[in-house]
């Protein structure tokens, strides 16, 4: 029994005429008649009563019609589901991201992706870069969003967006009155920052920038979370050099200022080598590119206070 037999039978049941049914399924009448006869022989019971005027279904045919319609509908749905999966429109996507991306870029990307692909389940996990690399290797993640570098040679990556560093200052700090700073303005200031082992690339980039300007930042307090570091800034413990999109996290007592010549930090999408062919991964990367091209994902770009 093939799907064409079911299509022929449904057409005959609905048209109640061999000629019209044959035209509907684009076969000659004799071929349709043979198809129905073969179907009856395989099932072992008559499905239609043939008269000179019309075709009627037997009780067995009526019952078979219900199942045939359901089978054809399920087959069509299965085909469409496969096609949608090939386009990345169904499935599951597990995305790892470093803390901070929740304040810039990631919400817009995920919102747009869910609008376009409502049948893809998106699972977001906040992880360090090292945890993401391990999750990608182990298959727990499909894609990771992190800062360079990516050390694992089994992973592929692509730059998504770049963000400059900015200065986060206590609102009452004298430097907060300036619209733009030079890095040397911070040379005598206490700093709050991540432990190096948590974000070595970020840490080393800041230290190289400061060293090239003639000083080494004096880190008086460390913390592992962005909100905690900014709370320390608000309390006057020290200044901080976050990536610009962290300025979306508005805290009372904290202002953000651009810094001349600030280096940029590159955020990349990372996936297992070979998974770039995955339709869902490709769809997510395409949406990310489109969203990030549409406009800035960092702070407002303004130089005024943000509290």
C-alpha atoms as a PDB file:
ATOM      1  CA  UNK A   1       0.000   0.000   0.000  1.00  0.00           C
ATOM      2  CA  UNK A   2       1.349   3.394  -1.008  1.00  0.00           C
ATOM      3  CA  UNK A   3       0.217   6.937  -0.308  1.00  0.00           C
ATOM      4  CA  UNK A   4      -0.888   7.241  -3.941  1.00  0.00           C
ATOM      5  CA  UNK A   5      -3.401   4.456  -3.357  1.00  0.00           C
ATOM      6  CA  UNK A   6      -4.858   6.430  -0.458  1.00  0.00           C
ATOM      7  CA  UNK A   7      -4.977   9.623  -2.510  1.00  0.00           C
ATOM      8  CA  UNK A   8      -6.767   7.792  -5.319  1.00  0.00           C
ATOM      9  CA  UNK A   9      -9.278   6.298  -2.914  1.00  0.00           C
ATOM     10  CA  UNK A  10     -10.033   9.620  -1.164  1.00  0.00           C
ATOM     11  CA  UNK A  11     -10.485  11.357  -4.520  1.00  0.00           C
ATOM     12  CA  UNK A  12     -12.912   8.638  -5.666  1.00  0.00           C
ATOM     13  CA  UNK A  13     -14.840   8.747  -2.381  1.00  0.00           C
ATOM     14  CA  UNK A  14     -15.245  12.510  -2.603  1.00  0.00           C
ATOM     15  CA  UNK A  15     -15.989  12.738  -6.345  1.00  0.00           C
ATOM     16  CA  UNK A  16     -18.155   9.566  -6.437  1.00  0.00           C
ATOM     17  CA  UNK A  17     -17.127   9.188 -10.065  1.00  0.00           C
ATOM     18  CA  UNK A  18     -14.109   7.429 -11.607  1.00  0.00           C
ATOM     19  CA  UNK A  19     -13.643   9.956 -14.409  1.00  0.00           C
ATOM     20  CA  UNK A  20     -13.733  13.056 -12.215  1.00  0.00           C
ATOM     21  CA  UNK A  21     -11.521  11.378  -9.579  1.00  0.00           C
ATOM     22  CA  UNK A  22      -8.976  10.414 -12.249  1.00  0.00           C
ATOM     23  CA  UNK A  23      -8.808  14.008 -13.501  1.00  0.00           C
ATOM     24  CA  UNK A  24      -8.357  15.268  -9.940  1.00  0.00           C
ATOM     25  CA  UNK A  25      -5.289  13.091  -9.292  1.00  0.00           C
ATOM     26  CA  UNK A  26      -3.924  13.480 -12.855  1.00  0.00           C
ATOM     27  CA  UNK A  27      -4.117   9.846 -13.973  1.00  0.00           C
ATOM     28  CA  UNK A  28      -6.155   8.067 -16.630  1.00  0.00           C
ATOM     29  CA  UNK A  29      -9.386   6.442 -15.514  1.00  0.00           C
ATOM     30  CA  UNK A  30      -8.134   2.889 -16.042  1.00  0.00           C
ATOM     31  CA  UNK A  31      -5.085   3.563 -13.843  1.00  0.00           C
ATOM     32  CA  UNK A  32      -7.339   4.862 -11.070  1.00  0.00           C
ATOM     33  CA  UNK A  33      -9.609   1.837 -11.353  1.00  0.00           C
ATOM     34  CA  UNK A  34      -6.623  -0.517 -11.157  1.00  0.00           C
ATOM     35  CA  UNK A  35      -5.289   1.361  -8.126  1.00  0.00           C
ATOM     36  CA  UNK A  36      -8.571   0.974  -6.242  1.00  0.00           C
ATOM     37  CA  UNK A  37      -8.810  -2.696  -7.188  1.00  0.00           C
ATOM     38  CA  UNK A  38      -5.250  -3.324  -5.970  1.00  0.00           C
ATOM     39  CA  UNK A  39      -6.074  -1.565  -2.714  1.00  0.00           C
ATOM     40  CA  UNK A  40      -9.152  -3.742  -2.177  1.00  0.00           C
ATOM     41  CA  UNK A  41      -7.167  -6.893  -2.941  1.00  0.00           C
ATOM     42  CA  UNK A  42      -4.496  -5.926  -0.421  1.00  0.00           C
ATOM     43  CA  UNK A  43      -7.019  -5.117   2.305  1.00  0.00           C
ATOM     44  CA  UNK A  44      -9.152  -8.144   1.476  1.00  0.00           C
ATOM     45  CA  UNK A  45     -12.534  -6.404   1.510  1.00  0.00           C
ATOM     46  CA  UNK A  46     -14.511  -4.356  -1.048  1.00  0.00           C
ATOM     47  CA  UNK A  47     -14.324  -0.612  -0.420  1.00  0.00           C
ATOM     48  CA  UNK A  48     -16.655   0.701  -3.156  1.00  0.00           C
ATOM     49  CA  UNK A  49     -19.862  -0.364  -4.826  1.00  0.00           C
ATOM     50  CA  UNK A  50     -19.661   0.255  -8.548  1.00  0.00           C
ATOM     51  CA  UNK A  51     -22.915   1.159 -10.270  1.00  0.00           C
ATOM     52  CA  UNK A  52     -23.661   2.581 -13.686  1.00  0.00           C
ATOM     53  CA  UNK A  53     -24.450   6.035 -12.257  1.00  0.00           C
ATOM     54  CA  UNK A  54     -22.184   6.601  -9.261  1.00  0.00           C
ATOM     55  CA  UNK A  55     -19.676   5.125  -6.878  1.00  0.00           C
ATOM     56  CA  UNK A  56     -20.724   4.405  -3.304  1.00  0.00           C
ATOM     57  CA  UNK A  57     -18.578   3.359  -0.371  1.00  0.00           C
ATOM     58  CA  UNK A  58     -19.203   0.125   1.462  1.00  0.00           C
ATOM     59  CA  UNK A  59     -19.310   0.266   5.274  1.00  0.00           C
ATOM     60  CA  UNK A  60     -15.674  -0.885   5.190  1.00  0.00           C
ATOM     61  CA  UNK A  61     -14.938   1.877   2.678  1.00  0.00           C
ATOM     62  CA  UNK A  62     -16.499   4.523   4.942  1.00  0.00           C
ATOM     63  CA  UNK A  63     -14.314   3.405   7.809  1.00  0.00           C
ATOM     64  CA  UNK A  64     -11.242   3.204   5.575  1.00  0.00           C
ATOM     65  CA  UNK A  65     -11.919   6.759   4.301  1.00  0.00           C
ATOM     66  CA  UNK A  66     -11.580   8.182   7.811  1.00  0.00           C
ATOM     67  CA  UNK A  67      -8.240   6.490   8.316  1.00  0.00           C
ATOM     68  CA  UNK A  68      -7.006   7.352   4.803  1.00  0.00           C
ATOM     69  CA  UNK A  69      -7.704  11.055   5.320  1.00  0.00           C
ATOM     70  CA  UNK A  70      -5.948  11.019   8.696  1.00  0.00           C
ATOM     71  CA  UNK A  71      -2.958   9.174   7.219  1.00  0.00           C
ATOM     72  CA  UNK A  72      -2.600  11.623   4.332  1.00  0.00           C
ATOM     73  CA  UNK A  73      -2.867  14.578   6.695  1.00  0.00           C
ATOM     74  CA  UNK A  74      -0.214  13.107   8.982  1.00  0.00           C
ATOM     75  CA  UNK A  75       2.042  12.427   5.997  1.00  0.00           C
ATOM     76  CA  UNK A  76       1.674  16.017   4.794  1.00  0.00           C
ATOM     77  CA  UNK A  77       2.391  17.351   8.276  1.00  0.00           C
ATOM     78  CA  UNK A  78       5.447  15.110   8.568  1.00  0.00           C
ATOM     79  CA  UNK A  79       6.808  16.333   5.254  1.00  0.00           C
ATOM     80  CA  UNK A  80       6.244  19.959   6.219  1.00  0.00           C
ATOM     81  CA  UNK A  81       7.878  19.429   9.588  1.00  0.00           C
ATOM     82  CA  UNK A  82      10.949  17.974   7.893  1.00  0.00           C
ATOM     83  CA  UNK A  83      11.083  20.926   5.525  1.00  0.00           C
ATOM     84  CA  UNK A  84      10.744  23.390   8.391  1.00  0.00           C
ATOM     85  CA  UNK A  85      13.495  21.587  10.301  1.00  0.00           C
ATOM     86  CA  UNK A  86      15.728  21.893   7.237  1.00  0.00           C
ATOM     87  CA  UNK A  87      15.049  25.644   7.283  1.00  0.00           C
ATOM     88  CA  UNK A  88      15.819  25.854  11.009  1.00  0.00           C
ATOM     89  CA  UNK A  89      12.201  26.648  11.884  1.00  0.00           C
ATOM     90  CA  UNK A  90      11.661  23.864  14.432  1.00  0.00           C
ATOM     91  CA  UNK A  91      13.825  22.227  17.028  1.00  0.00           C
ATOM     92  CA  UNK A  92      15.781  23.252  20.077  1.00  0.00           C
ATOM     93  CA  UNK A  93      18.697  25.653  20.509  1.00  0.00           C
ATOM     94  CA  UNK A  94      20.807  25.923  23.650  1.00  0.00           C
ATOM     95  CA  UNK A  95      22.791  29.165  23.819  1.00  0.00           C
ATOM     96  CA  UNK A  96      25.519  29.974  26.306  1.00  0.00           C
ATOM     97  CA  UNK A  97      26.482  33.575  26.982  1.00  0.00           C
ATOM     98  CA  UNK A  98      28.879  35.477  29.199  1.00  0.00           C
ATOM     99  CA  UNK A  99      27.407  37.759  31.843  1.00  0.00           C
ATOM    100  CA  UNK A 100      26.873  41.249  30.565  1.00  0.00           C
ATOM    101  CA  UNK A 101      25.453  40.276  27.186  1.00  0.00           C
ATOM    102  CA  UNK A 102      22.066  40.251  28.893  1.00  0.00           C
ATOM    103  CA  UNK A 103      22.416  44.046  29.046  1.00  0.00           C
ATOM    104  CA  UNK A 104      23.202  44.579  25.397  1.00  0.00           C
ATOM    105  CA  UNK A 105      22.620  42.670  22.179  1.00  0.00           C
ATOM    106  CA  UNK A 106      21.400  39.322  23.450  1.00  0.00           C
ATOM    107  CA  UNK A 107      17.835  40.363  24.430  1.00  0.00           C
ATOM    108  CA  UNK A 108      17.231  41.897  20.997  1.00  0.00           C
ATOM    109  CA  UNK A 109      18.649  38.863  19.190  1.00  0.00           C
ATOM    110  CA  UNK A 110      16.625  36.341  21.193  1.00  0.00           C
ATOM    111  CA  UNK A 111      13.425  38.387  20.913  1.00  0.00           C
ATOM    112  CA  UNK A 112      13.764  38.621  17.128  1.00  0.00           C
ATOM    113  CA  UNK A 113      14.695  34.951  16.791  1.00  0.00           C
ATOM    114  CA  UNK A 114      11.644  33.873  18.790  1.00  0.00           C
ATOM    115  CA  UNK A 115       9.418  36.115  16.668  1.00  0.00           C
ATOM    116  CA  UNK A 116      10.728  34.528  13.466  1.00  0.00           C
ATOM    117  CA  UNK A 117      11.042  30.950  14.756  1.00  0.00           C
ATOM    118  CA  UNK A 118       8.324  30.436  17.371  1.00  0.00           C
ATOM    119  CA  UNK A 119       8.617  26.641  17.081  1.00  0.00           C
ATOM    120  CA  UNK A 120      12.279  26.586  18.105  1.00  0.00           C
ATOM    121  CA  UNK A 121      12.753  26.227  21.849  1.00  0.00           C
ATOM    122  CA  UNK A 122      15.588  28.530  23.010  1.00  0.00           C
ATOM    123  CA  UNK A 123      17.402  27.651  26.234  1.00  0.00           C
ATOM    124  CA  UNK A 124      19.735  30.407  27.526  1.00  0.00           C
ATOM    125  CA  UNK A 125      22.555  29.646  29.964  1.00  0.00           C
ATOM    126  CA  UNK A 126      24.822  32.242  31.566  1.00  0.00           C
ATOM    127  CA  UNK A 127      28.310  30.709  31.630  1.00  0.00           C
ATOM    128  CA  UNK A 128      31.945  31.739  31.588  1.00  0.00           C
ATOM    129  CA  UNK A 129      33.890  31.324  28.342  1.00  0.00           C
ATOM    130  CA  UNK A 130      35.637  28.237  29.751  1.00  0.00           C
ATOM    131  CA  UNK A 131      32.300  26.704  30.746  1.00  0.00           C
ATOM    132  CA  UNK A 132      30.897  27.435  27.303  1.00  0.00           C
ATOM    133  CA  UNK A 133      33.813  25.776  25.539  1.00  0.00           C
ATOM    134  CA  UNK A 134      33.340  22.689  27.708  1.00  0.00           C
ATOM    135  CA  UNK A 135      29.577  22.723  27.050  1.00  0.00           C
ATOM    136  CA  UNK A 136      30.115  22.974  23.317  1.00  0.00           C
ATOM    137  CA  UNK A 137      32.595  20.100  23.336  1.00  0.00           C
ATOM    138  CA  UNK A 138      30.247  17.962  25.401  1.00  0.00           C
ATOM    139  CA  UNK A 139      27.178  18.734  23.319  1.00  0.00           C
ATOM    140  CA  UNK A 140      25.309  20.549  26.091  1.00  0.00           C
ATOM    141  CA  UNK A 141      25.429  23.799  24.084  1.00  0.00           C
ATOM    142  CA  UNK A 142      24.707  24.463  20.424  1.00  0.00           C
ATOM    143  CA  UNK A 143      26.195  27.935  20.311  1.00  0.00           C
ATOM    144  CA  UNK A 144      28.178  30.146  22.654  1.00  0.00           C
ATOM    145  CA  UNK A 145      28.535  33.929  22.882  1.00  0.00           C
ATOM    146  CA  UNK A 146      31.804  35.003  24.440  1.00  0.00           C
ATOM    147  CA  UNK A 147      34.835  37.251  24.195  1.00  0.00           C
ATOM    148  CA  UNK A 148      37.904  36.315  22.209  1.00  0.00           C
ATOM    149  CA  UNK A 149      40.084  34.326  22.184  1.00  0.00           C
ATOM    150  CA  UNK A 150      38.564  30.909  21.559  1.00  0.00           C
ATOM    151  CA  UNK A 151      41.255  28.436  22.539  1.00  0.00           C
ATOM    152  CA  UNK A 152      39.692  25.128  21.518  1.00  0.00           C
ATOM    153  CA  UNK A 153      40.732  24.141  17.949  1.00  0.00           C
ATOM    154  CA  UNK A 154      37.622  21.951  17.577  1.00  0.00           C
ATOM    155  CA  UNK A 155      35.393  25.038  17.710  1.00  0.00           C
ATOM    156  CA  UNK A 156      34.583  27.542  14.983  1.00  0.00           C
ATOM    157  CA  UNK A 157      33.774  31.182  15.687  1.00  0.00           C
ATOM    158  CA  UNK A 158      32.579  34.327  13.999  1.00  0.00           C
ATOM    159  CA  UNK A 159      32.714  37.923  15.205  1.00  0.00           C
ATOM    160  CA  UNK A 160      29.268  39.334  15.900  1.00  0.00           C
ATOM    161  CA  UNK A 161      29.911  42.752  17.369  1.00  0.00           C
ATOM    162  CA  UNK A 162      32.567  44.989  18.883  1.00  0.00           C
ATOM    163  CA  UNK A 163      32.211  47.307  21.841  1.00  0.00           C
ATOM    164  CA  UNK A 164      34.563  49.975  23.202  1.00  0.00           C
ATOM    165  CA  UNK A 165      35.446  50.212  26.861  1.00  0.00           C
ATOM    166  CA  UNK A 166      33.951  53.118  28.827  1.00  0.00           C
ATOM    167  CA  UNK A 167      34.570  54.530  32.285  1.00  0.00           C
ATOM    168  CA  UNK A 168      32.064  53.877  35.077  1.00  0.00           C
ATOM    169  CA  UNK A 169      32.413  56.550  37.774  1.00  0.00           C
ATOM    170  CA  UNK A 170      30.694  57.461  41.042  1.00  0.00           C
ATOM    171  CA  UNK A 171      28.131  60.138  40.213  1.00  0.00           C
ATOM    172  CA  UNK A 172      29.770  62.606  42.630  1.00  0.00           C
ATOM    173  CA  UNK A 173      33.288  62.016  41.332  1.00  0.00           C
ATOM    174  CA  UNK A 174      35.010  65.172  39.986  1.00  0.00           C
ATOM    175  CA  UNK A 175      35.703  63.388  36.680  1.00  0.00           C
ATOM    176  CA  UNK A 176      31.956  62.869  36.220  1.00  0.00           C
ATOM    177  CA  UNK A 177      31.732  66.550  35.260  1.00  0.00           C
ATOM    178  CA  UNK A 178      33.747  65.848  32.116  1.00  0.00           C
ATOM    179  CA  UNK A 179      31.975  64.813  28.936  1.00  0.00           C
ATOM    180  CA  UNK A 180      34.870  62.670  27.726  1.00  0.00           C
ATOM    181  CA  UNK A 181      37.911  61.271  29.519  1.00  0.00           C
ATOM    182  CA  UNK A 182      41.452  60.257  28.683  1.00  0.00           C
ATOM    183  CA  UNK A 183      42.704  57.029  30.208  1.00  0.00           C
ATOM    184  CA  UNK A 184      45.420  59.019  32.012  1.00  0.00           C
ATOM    185  CA  UNK A 185      42.646  60.821  33.905  1.00  0.00           C
ATOM    186  CA  UNK A 186      42.167  57.555  35.812  1.00  0.00           C
ATOM    187  CA  UNK A 187      45.824  56.923  36.566  1.00  0.00           C
ATOM    188  CA  UNK A 188      45.548  57.866  40.241  1.00  0.00           C
ATOM    189  CA  UNK A 189      42.148  56.286  40.855  1.00  0.00           C
ATOM    190  CA  UNK A 190      41.363  53.078  42.754  1.00  0.00           C
ATOM    191  CA  UNK A 191      39.845  50.439  40.476  1.00  0.00           C
ATOM    192  CA  UNK A 192      37.324  47.658  40.986  1.00  0.00           C
ATOM    193  CA  UNK A 193      37.589  44.750  38.574  1.00  0.00           C
ATOM    194  CA  UNK A 194      37.087  41.060  37.852  1.00  0.00           C
ATOM    195  CA  UNK A 195      39.601  38.519  39.150  1.00  0.00           C
ATOM    196  CA  UNK A 196      42.009  37.820  36.316  1.00  0.00           C
ATOM    197  CA  UNK A 197      41.298  34.092  36.310  1.00  0.00           C
ATOM    198  CA  UNK A 198      37.640  34.792  35.574  1.00  0.00           C
ATOM    199  CA  UNK A 199      38.141  36.999  32.496  1.00  0.00           C
ATOM    200  CA  UNK A 200      41.823  36.876  31.638  1.00  0.00           C
ATOM    201  CA  UNK A 201      41.475  38.301  28.122  1.00  0.00           C
ATOM    202  CA  UNK A 202      39.393  41.260  29.275  1.00  0.00           C
ATOM    203  CA  UNK A 203      41.661  41.855  32.281  1.00  0.00           C
ATOM    204  CA  UNK A 204      44.870  41.721  30.223  1.00  0.00           C
ATOM    205  CA  UNK A 205      43.477  44.053  27.562  1.00  0.00           C
ATOM    206  CA  UNK A 206      42.709  46.722  30.158  1.00  0.00           C
ATOM    207  CA  UNK A 207      46.085  46.304  31.817  1.00  0.00           C
ATOM    208  CA  UNK A 208      47.924  46.630  28.484  1.00  0.00           C
ATOM    209  CA  UNK A 209      45.964  49.767  27.634  1.00  0.00           C
ATOM    210  CA  UNK A 210      46.777  51.363  30.962  1.00  0.00           C
ATOM    211  CA  UNK A 211      50.434  50.267  30.824  1.00  0.00           C
ATOM    212  CA  UNK A 212      50.793  51.853  27.387  1.00  0.00           C
ATOM    213  CA  UNK A 213      49.518  55.080  28.981  1.00  0.00           C
ATOM    214  CA  UNK A 214      52.131  54.930  31.725  1.00  0.00           C
ATOM    215  CA  UNK A 215      50.387  53.426  34.736  1.00  0.00           C
ATOM    216  CA  UNK A 216      49.170  50.203  36.297  1.00  0.00           C
ATOM    217  CA  UNK A 217      45.626  50.278  37.709  1.00  0.00           C
ATOM    218  CA  UNK A 218      45.445  49.859  41.470  1.00  0.00           C
ATOM    219  CA  UNK A 219      42.673  47.280  41.948  1.00  0.00           C
ATOM    220  CA  UNK A 220      41.315  47.701  45.474  1.00  0.00           C
ATOM    221  CA  UNK A 221      38.315  45.343  45.214  1.00  0.00           C
ATOM    222  CA  UNK A 222      37.403  42.376  43.049  1.00  0.00           C
ATOM    223  CA  UNK A 223      33.974  40.933  42.269  1.00  0.00           C
ATOM    224  CA  UNK A 224      32.720  38.360  39.785  1.00  0.00           C
ATOM    225  CA  UNK A 225      29.432  39.956  38.684  1.00  0.00           C
ATOM    226  CA  UNK A 226      28.857  43.188  36.753  1.00  0.00           C
ATOM    227  CA  UNK A 227      26.037  44.463  39.025  1.00  0.00           C
ATOM    228  CA  UNK A 228      28.278  43.960  42.059  1.00  0.00           C
ATOM    229  CA  UNK A 229      31.157  45.878  40.469  1.00  0.00           C
ATOM    230  CA  UNK A 230      28.859  48.739  39.513  1.00  0.00           C
ATOM    231  CA  UNK A 231      27.422  48.772  43.037  1.00  0.00           C
ATOM    232  CA  UNK A 232      30.985  49.191  44.302  1.00  0.00           C
ATOM    233  CA  UNK A 233      31.401  52.117  41.906  1.00  0.00           C
ATOM    234  CA  UNK A 234      28.185  53.677  43.222  1.00  0.00           C
ATOM    235  CA  UNK A 235      29.522  53.286  46.756  1.00  0.00           C
ATOM    236  CA  UNK A 236      32.661  55.211  45.800  1.00  0.00           C
ATOM    237  CA  UNK A 237      35.009  52.249  46.242  1.00  0.00           C
ATOM    238  CA  UNK A 238      36.621  52.761  42.841  1.00  0.00           C
ATOM    239  CA  UNK A 239      36.194  53.244  39.100  1.00  0.00           C
ATOM    240  CA  UNK A 240      35.566  50.518  36.559  1.00  0.00           C
ATOM    241  CA  UNK A 241      36.193  50.056  32.819  1.00  0.00           C
ATOM    242  CA  UNK A 242      33.281  47.993  31.494  1.00  0.00           C
ATOM    243  CA  UNK A 243      32.330  47.274  27.897  1.00  0.00           C
ATOM    244  CA  UNK A 244      29.963  49.954  26.605  1.00  0.00           C
ATOM    245  CA  UNK A 245      26.839  47.835  26.560  1.00  0.00           C
ATOM    246  CA  UNK A 246      27.103  47.410  30.342  1.00  0.00           C
ATOM    247  CA  UNK A 247      26.074  51.050  30.542  1.00  0.00           C
ATOM    248  CA  UNK A 248      22.559  49.810  29.896  1.00  0.00           C
ATOM    249  CA  UNK A 249      22.580  48.650  33.483  1.00  0.00           C
ATOM    250  CA  UNK A 250      21.452  51.890  35.074  1.00  0.00           C
ATOM    251  CA  UNK A 251      22.341  52.141  38.766  1.00  0.00           C
ATOM    252  CA  UNK A 252      21.752  55.162  40.996  1.00  0.00           C
ATOM    253  CA  UNK A 253      25.071  56.806  41.749  1.00  0.00           C
ATOM    254  CA  UNK A 254      26.864  55.561  38.614  1.00  0.00           C
ATOM    255  CA  UNK A 255      27.648  57.557  35.468  1.00  0.00           C
ATOM    256  CA  UNK A 256      29.351  56.395  32.291  1.00  0.00           C
ATOM    257  CA  UNK A 257      31.806  58.378  30.199  1.00  0.00           C
ATOM    258  CA  UNK A 258      33.496  57.565  26.881  1.00  0.00           C
ATOM    259  CA  UNK A 259      37.284  57.366  26.978  1.00  0.00           C
ATOM    260  CA  UNK A 260      39.434  58.601  24.112  1.00  0.00           C
ATOM    261  CA  UNK A 261      41.279  55.849  22.283  1.00  0.00           C
ATOM    262  CA  UNK A 262      39.471  53.110  24.181  1.00  0.00           C
ATOM    263  CA  UNK A 263      40.164  49.616  22.800  1.00  0.00           C
ATOM    264  CA  UNK A 264      37.276  47.548  21.566  1.00  0.00           C
ATOM    265  CA  UNK A 265      36.312  44.121  22.832  1.00  0.00           C
ATOM    266  CA  UNK A 266      35.140  41.594  20.255  1.00  0.00           C
ATOM    267  CA  UNK A 267      32.232  39.302  21.074  1.00  0.00           C
ATOM    268  CA  UNK A 268      31.990  36.147  18.978  1.00  0.00           C
ATOM    269  CA  UNK A 269      29.564  33.348  18.322  1.00  0.00           C
ATOM    270  CA  UNK A 270      31.147  29.912  18.791  1.00  0.00           C
ATOM    271  CA  UNK A 271      29.956  26.467  17.740  1.00  0.00           C
ATOM    272  CA  UNK A 272      31.297  22.957  17.245  1.00  0.00           C
ATOM    273  CA  UNK A 273      33.161  22.500  13.981  1.00  0.00           C
ATOM    274  CA  UNK A 274      30.705  20.971  11.555  1.00  0.00           C
ATOM    275  CA  UNK A 275      27.638  22.308  13.368  1.00  0.00           C
ATOM    276  CA  UNK A 276      27.765  25.432  11.212  1.00  0.00           C
ATOM    277  CA  UNK A 277      25.673  23.398   8.768  1.00  0.00           C
ATOM    278  CA  UNK A 278      22.918  22.992  11.381  1.00  0.00           C
ATOM    279  CA  UNK A 279      19.850  24.882  10.118  1.00  0.00           C
ATOM    280  CA  UNK A 280      18.966  26.155  13.605  1.00  0.00           C
ATOM    281  CA  UNK A 281      22.511  27.400  14.266  1.00  0.00           C
ATOM    282  CA  UNK A 282      22.601  29.078  10.845  1.00  0.00           C
ATOM    283  CA  UNK A 283      19.238  30.711  11.490  1.00  0.00           C
ATOM    284  CA  UNK A 284      20.381  32.082  14.852  1.00  0.00           C
ATOM    285  CA  UNK A 285      23.587  33.507  13.355  1.00  0.00           C
ATOM    286  CA  UNK A 286      21.632  35.130  10.532  1.00  0.00           C
ATOM    287  CA  UNK A 287      19.226  36.759  12.968  1.00  0.00           C
ATOM    288  CA  UNK A 288      22.112  37.936  15.145  1.00  0.00           C
ATOM    289  CA  UNK A 289      23.815  39.564  12.149  1.00  0.00           C
ATOM    290  CA  UNK A 290      20.593  41.271  11.064  1.00  0.00           C
ATOM    291  CA  UNK A 291      19.770  42.589  14.531  1.00  0.00           C
ATOM    292  CA  UNK A 292      23.268  43.913  15.155  1.00  0.00           C
ATOM    293  CA  UNK A 293      23.438  45.588  11.754  1.00  0.00           C
ATOM    294  CA  UNK A 294      20.114  47.309  12.441  1.00  0.00           C
ATOM    295  CA  UNK A 295      21.514  49.464  15.224  1.00  0.00           C
ATOM    296  CA  UNK A 296      23.891  49.792  18.173  1.00  0.00           C
ATOM    297  CA  UNK A 297      23.540  47.293  20.974  1.00  0.00           C
ATOM    298  CA  UNK A 298      25.577  49.045  23.560  1.00  0.00           C
ATOM    299  CA  UNK A 299      24.816  52.178  25.526  1.00  0.00           C
ATOM    300  CA  UNK A 300      22.928  55.132  24.139  1.00  0.00           C
ATOM    301  CA  UNK A 301      26.077  56.629  22.664  1.00  0.00           C
ATOM    302  CA  UNK A 302      25.348  59.786  24.573  1.00  0.00           C
ATOM    303  CA  UNK A 303      27.977  61.391  26.721  1.00  0.00           C
ATOM    304  CA  UNK A 304      25.633  62.710  29.391  1.00  0.00           C
ATOM    305  CA  UNK A 305      25.058  61.161  32.795  1.00  0.00           C
ATOM    306  CA  UNK A 306      23.266  57.884  33.204  1.00  0.00           C
ATOM    307  CA  UNK A 307      22.056  57.135  36.688  1.00  0.00           C
END
